[in-house]
Amino acid sequence: MIQTQAIIYRSKPMKKGLLILSFLMLIGAGSNCFAQTSDDPNNTAKLAPKQKIMVSGNEKFDLMVSSTFLIPTGIADRDSFPWDASRSGALSLAMSFNFPIGSVVAFKIEPRATWHKLTFRNNVKKVFPSDTNLYAIERFRGFYAETPIGFRINLVRNLDEKVKLFAEFGGIIGYNLGGTFKRRVNDDKNRKLWTEKYHQFDDFNPWRYGPYVRLSTNWIGIHAFYRMSDLYRADRVFWDPAGTGKFENNGSNYSYAYPKISPLEIGIFLML
């Protein structure tokens, strides 16, 4: 009887040890399965990393040609100042440098040369640039060094992630480097008789500035500019250069106040 009790006494710790060993094995197996689930590179349950859109080279630099036309605003009496909207505006040649902040936004700077012209037609009621209908065309032209500065927003990309549509906004500041005045005399049949051209014209406002906006595809777009500066200097009047070839007080009474010219220009541009 005593021997039987000894056997039963030894079997109890053996069962307890087997239970502990089985429990530890289960914990180890569970940990191993968890590690495989977390670290397995072939695990399809992991989220794929987001692909970064590459910024291509043609988004960073463009050669640009733009042409704008003056929109008829800002002059009350078009008979007194008969400027020709179809022959007035600006032509610009530019190098556009884009500095991407991401795949959507880019900072932009665009050094360019701009030729701005203002053309007047013949009219019997004309009082500027002259009060005679002798001249078929009278034209002012100014040359500016300009720099548009702004931001470009990429709106649409194609399947190859190239920009197909973008918008742009910012400001333009320019400085006048010189100007000319030109006029032409025609005969009764509107054939050119002679042309007068004067290079000493410096009555343009030295500064040209204002905001601009653009909307473009990847190579052509529309452009709008609102000039906040006056085209001519406020402290000058126009002296008729007839007889001297120079823009100065030549002793005559033929001087004319400069009109307020339309500040709005709208046109198109090409990116090469």
C-alpha atoms as a PDB file:
ATOM      1  CA  MET A   1       0.000   0.000   0.000  1.00  0.00           C
ATOM      2  CA  ILE A   2       2.846   2.297   0.816  1.00  0.00           C
ATOM      3  CA  GLN A   3       4.539   1.444  -2.499  1.00  0.00           C
ATOM      4  CA  THR A   4       1.465   2.307  -4.502  1.00  0.00           C
ATOM      5  CA  GLN A   5       1.184   5.657  -2.869  1.00  0.00           C
ATOM      6  CA  ALA A   6       4.831   6.424  -3.795  1.00  0.00           C
ATOM      7  CA  ILE A   7       4.112   5.745  -7.439  1.00  0.00           C
ATOM      8  CA  ILE A   8       1.115   8.044  -7.385  1.00  0.00           C
ATOM      9  CA  TYR A   9       3.165  10.746  -5.677  1.00  0.00           C
ATOM     10  CA  ARG A  10       5.800  10.735  -8.449  1.00  0.00           C
ATOM     11  CA  SER A  11       3.276  10.803 -11.305  1.00  0.00           C
ATOM     12  CA  LYS A  12       1.709  14.144 -10.261  1.00  0.00           C
ATOM     13  CA  PRO A  13       4.809  16.348 -10.906  1.00  0.00           C
ATOM     14  CA  MET A  14       5.363  14.495 -14.193  1.00  0.00           C
ATOM     15  CA  LYS A  15       1.924  15.520 -15.463  1.00  0.00           C
ATOM     16  CA  LYS A  16       2.500  19.050 -14.299  1.00  0.00           C
ATOM     17  CA  GLY A  17       5.828  19.240 -16.181  1.00  0.00           C
ATOM     18  CA  LEU A  18       4.230  17.935 -19.360  1.00  0.00           C
ATOM     19  CA  LEU A  19       1.559  20.622 -19.162  1.00  0.00           C
ATOM     20  CA  ILE A  20       4.133  23.381 -18.705  1.00  0.00           C
ATOM     21  CA  LEU A  21       6.257  22.043 -21.597  1.00  0.00           C
ATOM     22  CA  SER A  22       3.207  21.862 -23.901  1.00  0.00           C
ATOM     23  CA  PHE A  23       2.230  25.434 -22.979  1.00  0.00           C
ATOM     24  CA  LEU A  24       5.728  26.739 -23.743  1.00  0.00           C
ATOM     25  CA  MET A  25       5.759  24.943 -27.104  1.00  0.00           C
ATOM     26  CA  LEU A  26       2.423  26.535 -28.028  1.00  0.00           C
ATOM     27  CA  ILE A  27       3.738  29.996 -27.144  1.00  0.00           C
ATOM     28  CA  GLY A  28       6.883  29.423 -29.203  1.00  0.00           C
ATOM     29  CA  ALA A  29       4.905  28.214 -32.212  1.00  0.00           C
ATOM     30  CA  GLY A  30       2.586  31.207 -32.008  1.00  0.00           C
ATOM     31  CA  SER A  31       5.482  33.643 -31.809  1.00  0.00           C
ATOM     32  CA  ASN A  32       7.121  32.007 -34.813  1.00  0.00           C
ATOM     33  CA  CYS A  33       3.924  32.282 -36.855  1.00  0.00           C
ATOM     34  CA  PHE A  34       3.521  35.949 -35.879  1.00  0.00           C
ATOM     35  CA  ALA A  35       7.112  36.705 -36.865  1.00  0.00           C
ATOM     36  CA  GLN A  36       6.607  35.092 -40.266  1.00  0.00           C
ATOM     37  CA  THR A  37       3.428  37.066 -40.836  1.00  0.00           C
ATOM     38  CA  SER A  38       5.137  40.388 -39.995  1.00  0.00           C
ATOM     39  CA  ASP A  39       8.520  39.931 -41.655  1.00  0.00           C
ATOM     40  CA  ASP A  40       7.724  37.859 -44.712  1.00  0.00           C
ATOM     41  CA  PRO A  41       8.566  40.016 -47.760  1.00  0.00           C
ATOM     42  CA  ASN A  42       6.151  37.964 -49.852  1.00  0.00           C
ATOM     43  CA  ASN A  43       3.248  38.746 -47.589  1.00  0.00           C
ATOM     44  CA  THR A  44       0.480  40.072 -49.833  1.00  0.00           C
ATOM     45  CA  ALA A  45      -1.328  41.651 -46.911  1.00  0.00           C
ATOM     46  CA  LYS A  46       1.243  44.488 -46.696  1.00  0.00           C
ATOM     47  CA  LEU A  47       0.329  47.831 -48.344  1.00  0.00           C
ATOM     48  CA  ALA A  48       2.372  48.593 -51.469  1.00  0.00           C
ATOM     49  CA  PRO A  49       4.546  51.749 -51.142  1.00  0.00           C
ATOM     50  CA  LYS A  50       3.198  54.830 -52.928  1.00  0.00           C
ATOM     51  CA  GLN A  51       4.971  55.454 -56.221  1.00  0.00           C
ATOM     52  CA  LYS A  52       6.593  58.910 -56.513  1.00  0.00           C
ATOM     53  CA  ILE A  53       5.825  60.783 -59.733  1.00  0.00           C
ATOM     54  CA  MET A  54       9.075  61.717 -61.438  1.00  0.00           C
ATOM     55  CA  VAL A  55       9.490  65.314 -62.608  1.00  0.00           C
ATOM     56  CA  SER A  56      10.679  65.226 -66.222  1.00  0.00           C
ATOM     57  CA  GLY A  57      13.231  67.612 -67.720  1.00  0.00           C
ATOM     58  CA  ASN A  58      10.726  69.432 -69.894  1.00  0.00           C
ATOM     59  CA  GLU A  59       8.922  70.571 -66.750  1.00  0.00           C
ATOM     60  CA  LYS A  60      12.021  72.469 -65.631  1.00  0.00           C
ATOM     61  CA  PHE A  61      12.917  74.580 -68.699  1.00  0.00           C
ATOM     62  CA  ASP A  62      11.129  76.022 -71.743  1.00  0.00           C
ATOM     63  CA  LEU A  63      11.851  78.494 -74.515  1.00  0.00           C
ATOM     64  CA  MET A  64       8.794  80.707 -74.876  1.00  0.00           C
ATOM     65  CA  VAL A  65       7.342  83.075 -77.473  1.00  0.00           C
ATOM     66  CA  SER A  66       4.274  85.129 -76.528  1.00  0.00           C
ATOM     67  CA  SER A  67       2.142  87.723 -78.270  1.00  0.00           C
ATOM     68  CA  THR A  68      -0.530  89.857 -76.611  1.00  0.00           C
ATOM     69  CA  PHE A  69      -3.048  92.432 -77.830  1.00  0.00           C
ATOM     70  CA  LEU A  70      -4.300  95.520 -76.009  1.00  0.00           C
ATOM     71  CA  ILE A  71      -7.955  95.186 -75.058  1.00  0.00           C
ATOM     72  CA  PRO A  72      -9.877  98.456 -75.695  1.00  0.00           C
ATOM     73  CA  THR A  73     -10.413  99.849 -72.178  1.00  0.00           C
ATOM     74  CA  GLY A  74      -9.233 102.958 -70.375  1.00  0.00           C
ATOM     75  CA  ILE A  75      -9.824 105.626 -73.070  1.00  0.00           C
ATOM     76  CA  ALA A  76     -13.178 107.459 -73.028  1.00  0.00           C
ATOM     77  CA  ASP A  77     -12.970 109.066 -76.467  1.00  0.00           C
ATOM     78  CA  ARG A  78     -11.599 106.709 -79.133  1.00  0.00           C
ATOM     79  CA  ASP A  79     -12.025 109.377 -81.817  1.00  0.00           C
ATOM     80  CA  SER A  80      -9.566 111.708 -80.076  1.00  0.00           C
ATOM     81  CA  PHE A  81      -7.088 108.863 -79.435  1.00  0.00           C
ATOM     82  CA  PRO A  82      -7.752 106.386 -82.270  1.00  0.00           C
ATOM     83  CA  TRP A  83      -5.308 103.633 -81.249  1.00  0.00           C
ATOM     84  CA  ASP A  84      -5.586 100.399 -83.198  1.00  0.00           C
ATOM     85  CA  ALA A  85      -6.100  97.410 -80.876  1.00  0.00           C
ATOM     86  CA  SER A  86      -5.284  94.905 -83.622  1.00  0.00           C
ATOM     87  CA  ARG A  87      -1.832  96.490 -84.113  1.00  0.00           C
ATOM     88  CA  SER A  88      -1.082  97.298 -80.471  1.00  0.00           C
ATOM     89  CA  GLY A  89       0.344  94.935 -77.872  1.00  0.00           C
ATOM     90  CA  ALA A  90       3.528  93.116 -76.943  1.00  0.00           C
ATOM     91  CA  LEU A  91       5.846  90.454 -78.339  1.00  0.00           C
ATOM     92  CA  SER A  92       8.132  88.585 -75.910  1.00  0.00           C
ATOM     93  CA  LEU A  93      10.981  86.059 -76.175  1.00  0.00           C
ATOM     94  CA  ALA A  94      11.743  84.254 -72.917  1.00  0.00           C
ATOM     95  CA  MET A  95      13.636  81.493 -71.116  1.00  0.00           C
ATOM     96  CA  SER A  96      11.398  79.841 -68.517  1.00  0.00           C
ATOM     97  CA  PHE A  97      13.019  78.171 -65.482  1.00  0.00           C
ATOM     98  CA  ASN A  98      10.743  76.006 -63.302  1.00  0.00           C
ATOM     99  CA  PHE A  99      11.841  74.822 -59.849  1.00  0.00           C
ATOM    100  CA  PRO A 100       9.524  71.947 -58.774  1.00  0.00           C
ATOM    101  CA  ILE A 101       8.372  71.979 -55.165  1.00  0.00           C
ATOM    102  CA  GLY A 102       6.679  68.639 -55.840  1.00  0.00           C
ATOM    103  CA  SER A 103       4.943  66.879 -58.691  1.00  0.00           C
ATOM    104  CA  VAL A 104       2.117  69.456 -58.624  1.00  0.00           C
ATOM    105  CA  VAL A 105       3.594  72.880 -57.754  1.00  0.00           C
ATOM    106  CA  ALA A 106       6.657  74.642 -59.177  1.00  0.00           C
ATOM    107  CA  PHE A 107       8.218  78.054 -58.569  1.00  0.00           C
ATOM    108  CA  LYS A 108       8.858  79.909 -61.831  1.00  0.00           C
ATOM    109  CA  ILE A 109      11.151  82.689 -63.041  1.00  0.00           C
ATOM    110  CA  GLU A 110      11.161  83.805 -66.683  1.00  0.00           C
ATOM    111  CA  PRO A 111      13.744  86.358 -67.925  1.00  0.00           C
ATOM    112  CA  ARG A 112      12.575  87.803 -71.229  1.00  0.00           C
ATOM    113  CA  ALA A 113      12.837  90.618 -73.760  1.00  0.00           C
ATOM    114  CA  THR A 114       9.603  92.443 -74.653  1.00  0.00           C
ATOM    115  CA  TRP A 115       8.765  94.800 -77.514  1.00  0.00           C
ATOM    116  CA  HIS A 116       5.623  96.822 -76.783  1.00  0.00           C
ATOM    117  CA  LYS A 117       3.945  98.866 -79.510  1.00  0.00           C
ATOM    118  CA  LEU A 118       1.048 101.312 -79.591  1.00  0.00           C
ATOM    119  CA  THR A 119      -0.333 102.163 -83.045  1.00  0.00           C
ATOM    120  CA  PHE A 120      -2.641 105.084 -83.891  1.00  0.00           C
ATOM    121  CA  ARG A 121      -4.846 105.256 -86.974  1.00  0.00           C
ATOM    122  CA  ASN A 122      -5.710 108.333 -88.989  1.00  0.00           C
ATOM    123  CA  ASN A 123      -8.803 110.214 -87.864  1.00  0.00           C
ATOM    124  CA  VAL A 124     -10.020 113.745 -88.512  1.00  0.00           C
ATOM    125  CA  LYS A 125     -10.866 114.160 -84.788  1.00  0.00           C
ATOM    126  CA  LYS A 126      -7.488 112.893 -83.623  1.00  0.00           C
ATOM    127  CA  VAL A 127      -5.635 115.045 -81.065  1.00  0.00           C
ATOM    128  CA  PHE A 128      -2.805 112.620 -80.235  1.00  0.00           C
ATOM    129  CA  PRO A 129      -0.023 112.031 -81.239  1.00  0.00           C
ATOM    130  CA  SER A 130      -0.857 114.854 -83.652  1.00  0.00           C
ATOM    131  CA  ASP A 131      -3.951 116.836 -84.572  1.00  0.00           C
ATOM    132  CA  THR A 132      -3.551 116.350 -88.303  1.00  0.00           C
ATOM    133  CA  ASN A 133      -4.776 113.609 -90.615  1.00  0.00           C
ATOM    134  CA  LEU A 134      -1.616 113.813 -92.690  1.00  0.00           C
ATOM    135  CA  TYR A 135      -0.164 110.634 -91.177  1.00  0.00           C
ATOM    136  CA  ALA A 136      -1.770 107.311 -92.044  1.00  0.00           C
ATOM    137  CA  ILE A 137      -0.094 105.524 -89.106  1.00  0.00           C
ATOM    138  CA  GLU A 138       1.708 106.812 -86.006  1.00  0.00           C
ATOM    139  CA  ARG A 139       3.401 104.248 -83.761  1.00  0.00           C
ATOM    140  CA  PHE A 140       5.277 104.183 -80.452  1.00  0.00           C
ATOM    141  CA  ARG A 141       7.495 101.199 -79.630  1.00  0.00           C
ATOM    142  CA  GLY A 142       9.263 100.474 -76.344  1.00  0.00           C
ATOM    143  CA  PHE A 143      11.826  97.809 -75.488  1.00  0.00           C
ATOM    144  CA  TYR A 144      11.795  96.213 -72.015  1.00  0.00           C
ATOM    145  CA  ALA A 145      13.856  93.742 -70.006  1.00  0.00           C
ATOM    146  CA  GLU A 146      11.251  91.842 -67.977  1.00  0.00           C
ATOM    147  CA  THR A 147      11.008  89.022 -65.456  1.00  0.00           C
ATOM    148  CA  PRO A 148       7.732  87.232 -64.742  1.00  0.00           C
ATOM    149  CA  ILE A 149       7.851  85.490 -61.346  1.00  0.00           C
ATOM    150  CA  GLY A 150       5.111  83.102 -60.233  1.00  0.00           C
ATOM    151  CA  PHE A 151       3.864  79.623 -59.455  1.00  0.00           C
ATOM    152  CA  ARG A 152       2.853  76.837 -61.815  1.00  0.00           C
ATOM    153  CA  ILE A 153       0.128  74.337 -60.845  1.00  0.00           C
ATOM    154  CA  ASN A 154       0.075  71.045 -62.778  1.00  0.00           C
ATOM    155  CA  LEU A 155      -3.603  70.132 -63.259  1.00  0.00           C
ATOM    156  CA  VAL A 156      -3.611  67.055 -65.540  1.00  0.00           C
ATOM    157  CA  ARG A 157      -1.012  64.394 -66.411  1.00  0.00           C
ATOM    158  CA  ASN A 158      -1.242  61.717 -69.108  1.00  0.00           C
ATOM    159  CA  LEU A 159      -0.639  57.975 -68.677  1.00  0.00           C
ATOM    160  CA  ASP A 160       3.124  58.588 -68.907  1.00  0.00           C
ATOM    161  CA  GLU A 161       2.854  61.125 -66.054  1.00  0.00           C
ATOM    162  CA  LYS A 162       3.731  64.031 -68.369  1.00  0.00           C
ATOM    163  CA  VAL A 163       1.920  67.321 -67.756  1.00  0.00           C
ATOM    164  CA  LYS A 164      -0.923  67.928 -70.219  1.00  0.00           C
ATOM    165  CA  LEU A 165      -2.592  70.943 -68.582  1.00  0.00           C
ATOM    166  CA  PHE A 166      -1.327  73.526 -66.110  1.00  0.00           C
ATOM    167  CA  ALA A 167      -2.257  76.918 -64.686  1.00  0.00           C
ATOM    168  CA  GLU A 168       0.097  79.709 -63.698  1.00  0.00           C
ATOM    169  CA  PHE A 169      -0.153  82.985 -61.802  1.00  0.00           C
ATOM    170  CA  GLY A 170       2.255  85.619 -60.583  1.00  0.00           C
ATOM    171  CA  GLY A 171       3.601  89.082 -61.346  1.00  0.00           C
ATOM    172  CA  ILE A 172       5.719  90.775 -64.028  1.00  0.00           C
ATOM    173  CA  ILE A 173       8.235  93.552 -63.509  1.00  0.00           C
ATOM    174  CA  GLY A 174      10.132  95.179 -66.366  1.00  0.00           C
ATOM    175  CA  TYR A 175      12.404  98.124 -67.089  1.00  0.00           C
ATOM    176  CA  ASN A 176      12.346 100.234 -70.241  1.00  0.00           C
ATOM    177  CA  LEU A 177      15.612 100.273 -72.187  1.00  0.00           C
ATOM    178  CA  GLY A 178      14.554 102.681 -74.939  1.00  0.00           C
ATOM    179  CA  GLY A 179      11.856 103.645 -77.394  1.00  0.00           C
ATOM    180  CA  THR A 180      11.109 104.927 -80.876  1.00  0.00           C
ATOM    181  CA  PHE A 181       8.386 106.928 -82.609  1.00  0.00           C
ATOM    182  CA  LYS A 182       7.485 106.215 -86.218  1.00  0.00           C
ATOM    183  CA  ARG A 183       4.902 107.620 -88.613  1.00  0.00           C
ATOM    184  CA  ARG A 184       4.026 107.133 -92.263  1.00  0.00           C
ATOM    185  CA  VAL A 185       2.561 109.391 -94.922  1.00  0.00           C
ATOM    186  CA  ASN A 186       0.436 107.845 -97.681  1.00  0.00           C
ATOM    187  CA  ASP A 187      -0.924 109.276-100.871  1.00  0.00           C
ATOM    188  CA  ASP A 188      -4.583 109.528-101.846  1.00  0.00           C
ATOM    189  CA  LYS A 189      -4.582 105.867-102.860  1.00  0.00           C
ATOM    190  CA  ASN A 190      -3.133 104.783 -99.469  1.00  0.00           C
ATOM    191  CA  ARG A 191       0.291 104.076-100.968  1.00  0.00           C
ATOM    192  CA  LYS A 192       3.321 104.870 -98.848  1.00  0.00           C
ATOM    193  CA  LEU A 193       5.048 108.128 -99.764  1.00  0.00           C
ATOM    194  CA  TRP A 194       7.596 108.364 -96.942  1.00  0.00           C
ATOM    195  CA  THR A 195       8.244 107.260 -93.368  1.00  0.00           C
ATOM    196  CA  GLU A 196       9.608 109.261 -90.438  1.00  0.00           C
ATOM    197  CA  LYS A 197      11.364 107.452 -87.592  1.00  0.00           C
ATOM    198  CA  TYR A 198      12.773 109.003 -84.400  1.00  0.00           C
ATOM    199  CA  HIS A 199      14.960 107.134 -81.932  1.00  0.00           C
ATOM    200  CA  GLN A 200      15.329 109.696 -79.153  1.00  0.00           C
ATOM    201  CA  PHE A 201      12.020 108.892 -77.501  1.00  0.00           C
ATOM    202  CA  ASP A 202      12.343 108.448 -73.726  1.00  0.00           C
ATOM    203  CA  ASP A 203       8.887 109.384 -72.423  1.00  0.00           C
ATOM    204  CA  PHE A 204       7.914 105.810 -71.603  1.00  0.00           C
ATOM    205  CA  ASN A 205       7.440 105.054 -67.920  1.00  0.00           C
ATOM    206  CA  PRO A 206      10.727 103.395 -66.868  1.00  0.00           C
ATOM    207  CA  TRP A 207       8.848 100.617 -65.041  1.00  0.00           C
ATOM    208  CA  ARG A 208       6.238  98.188 -66.332  1.00  0.00           C
ATOM    209  CA  TYR A 209       4.619  95.846 -63.802  1.00  0.00           C
ATOM    210  CA  GLY A 210       1.435  94.011 -62.872  1.00  0.00           C
ATOM    211  CA  PRO A 211      -0.131  90.568 -62.271  1.00  0.00           C
ATOM    212  CA  TYR A 212      -0.564  87.848 -64.882  1.00  0.00           C
ATOM    213  CA  VAL A 213      -2.370  84.499 -65.252  1.00  0.00           C
ATOM    214  CA  ARG A 214      -1.955  81.656 -67.747  1.00  0.00           C
ATOM    215  CA  LEU A 215      -3.666  78.426 -68.743  1.00  0.00           C
ATOM    216  CA  SER A 216      -1.758  76.056 -70.987  1.00  0.00           C
ATOM    217  CA  THR A 217      -1.438  72.615 -72.484  1.00  0.00           C
ATOM    218  CA  ASN A 218       2.039  71.139 -72.784  1.00  0.00           C
ATOM    219  CA  TRP A 219       2.961  73.495 -75.677  1.00  0.00           C
ATOM    220  CA  ILE A 220       0.382  76.284 -76.241  1.00  0.00           C
ATOM    221  CA  GLY A 221      -1.647  78.463 -73.916  1.00  0.00           C
ATOM    222  CA  ILE A 222      -3.460  81.736 -73.267  1.00  0.00           C
ATOM    223  CA  HIS A 223      -2.009  84.638 -71.302  1.00  0.00           C
ATOM    224  CA  ALA A 224      -3.517  87.697 -69.598  1.00  0.00           C
ATOM    225  CA  PHE A 225      -1.563  90.629 -68.107  1.00  0.00           C
ATOM    226  CA  TYR A 226      -2.909  93.663 -66.267  1.00  0.00           C
ATOM    227  CA  ARG A 227      -0.468  96.583 -66.298  1.00  0.00           C
ATOM    228  CA  MET A 228      -0.638  98.547 -63.036  1.00  0.00           C
ATOM    229  CA  SER A 229       1.855 101.158 -64.236  1.00  0.00           C
ATOM    230  CA  ASP A 230       1.111 103.952 -66.726  1.00  0.00           C
ATOM    231  CA  LEU A 231       2.578 103.501 -70.177  1.00  0.00           C
ATOM    232  CA  TYR A 232       3.964 107.065 -70.291  1.00  0.00           C
ATOM    233  CA  ARG A 233       5.668 109.245 -67.709  1.00  0.00           C
ATOM    234  CA  ALA A 234       3.279 111.493 -65.788  1.00  0.00           C
ATOM    235  CA  ASP A 235       5.692 114.469 -65.836  1.00  0.00           C
ATOM    236  CA  ARG A 236       6.082 114.541 -69.639  1.00  0.00           C
ATOM    237  CA  VAL A 237       4.122 115.808 -72.631  1.00  0.00           C
ATOM    238  CA  PHE A 238       4.602 114.799 -76.240  1.00  0.00           C
ATOM    239  CA  TRP A 239       6.370 117.390 -78.415  1.00  0.00           C
ATOM    240  CA  ASP A 240       5.838 117.016 -82.135  1.00  0.00           C
ATOM    241  CA  PRO A 241       9.320 116.259 -83.552  1.00  0.00           C
ATOM    242  CA  ALA A 242       8.587 117.757 -86.962  1.00  0.00           C
ATOM    243  CA  GLY A 243      11.428 119.981 -88.093  1.00  0.00           C
ATOM    244  CA  THR A 244      14.014 118.855 -85.500  1.00  0.00           C
ATOM    245  CA  GLY A 245      13.887 115.065 -85.316  1.00  0.00           C
ATOM    246  CA  LYS A 246      14.220 115.280 -81.536  1.00  0.00           C
ATOM    247  CA  PHE A 247      11.704 114.957 -78.747  1.00  0.00           C
ATOM    248  CA  GLU A 248      12.220 118.253 -76.963  1.00  0.00           C
ATOM    249  CA  ASN A 249      10.674 121.708 -76.702  1.00  0.00           C
ATOM    250  CA  ASN A 250      11.615 123.114 -80.085  1.00  0.00           C
ATOM    251  CA  GLY A 251       9.926 126.464 -79.601  1.00  0.00           C
ATOM    252  CA  SER A 252       6.634 125.435 -81.165  1.00  0.00           C
ATOM    253  CA  ASN A 253       3.303 125.104 -79.386  1.00  0.00           C
ATOM    254  CA  TYR A 254       2.669 121.603 -80.671  1.00  0.00           C
ATOM    255  CA  SER A 255       2.715 119.627 -77.439  1.00  0.00           C
ATOM    256  CA  TYR A 256       0.120 117.015 -76.430  1.00  0.00           C
ATOM    257  CA  ALA A 257      -0.743 115.360 -73.140  1.00  0.00           C
ATOM    258  CA  TYR A 258      -0.310 111.580 -73.028  1.00  0.00           C
ATOM    259  CA  PRO A 259      -3.588 109.644 -72.760  1.00  0.00           C
ATOM    260  CA  LYS A 260      -4.282 106.817 -70.338  1.00  0.00           C
ATOM    261  CA  ILE A 261      -3.749 103.647 -72.345  1.00  0.00           C
ATOM    262  CA  SER A 262      -5.603 100.382 -71.734  1.00  0.00           C
ATOM    263  CA  PRO A 263      -3.854  98.302 -69.037  1.00  0.00           C
ATOM    264  CA  LEU A 264      -5.194  94.911 -70.162  1.00  0.00           C
ATOM    265  CA  GLU A 265      -3.318  92.599 -72.538  1.00  0.00           C
ATOM    266  CA  ILE A 266      -4.544  89.168 -73.645  1.00  0.00           C
ATOM    267  CA  GLY A 267      -2.807  86.796 -76.038  1.00  0.00           C
ATOM    268  CA  ILE A 268      -1.249  83.414 -76.663  1.00  0.00           C
ATOM    269  CA  PHE A 269       2.167  81.824 -76.082  1.00  0.00           C
ATOM    270  CA  LEU A 270       4.101  78.842 -77.383  1.00  0.00           C
ATOM    271  CA  MET A 271       6.584  76.678 -75.476  1.00  0.00           C
ATOM    272  CA  LEU A 272       9.359  75.272 -77.663  1.00  0.00           C
END
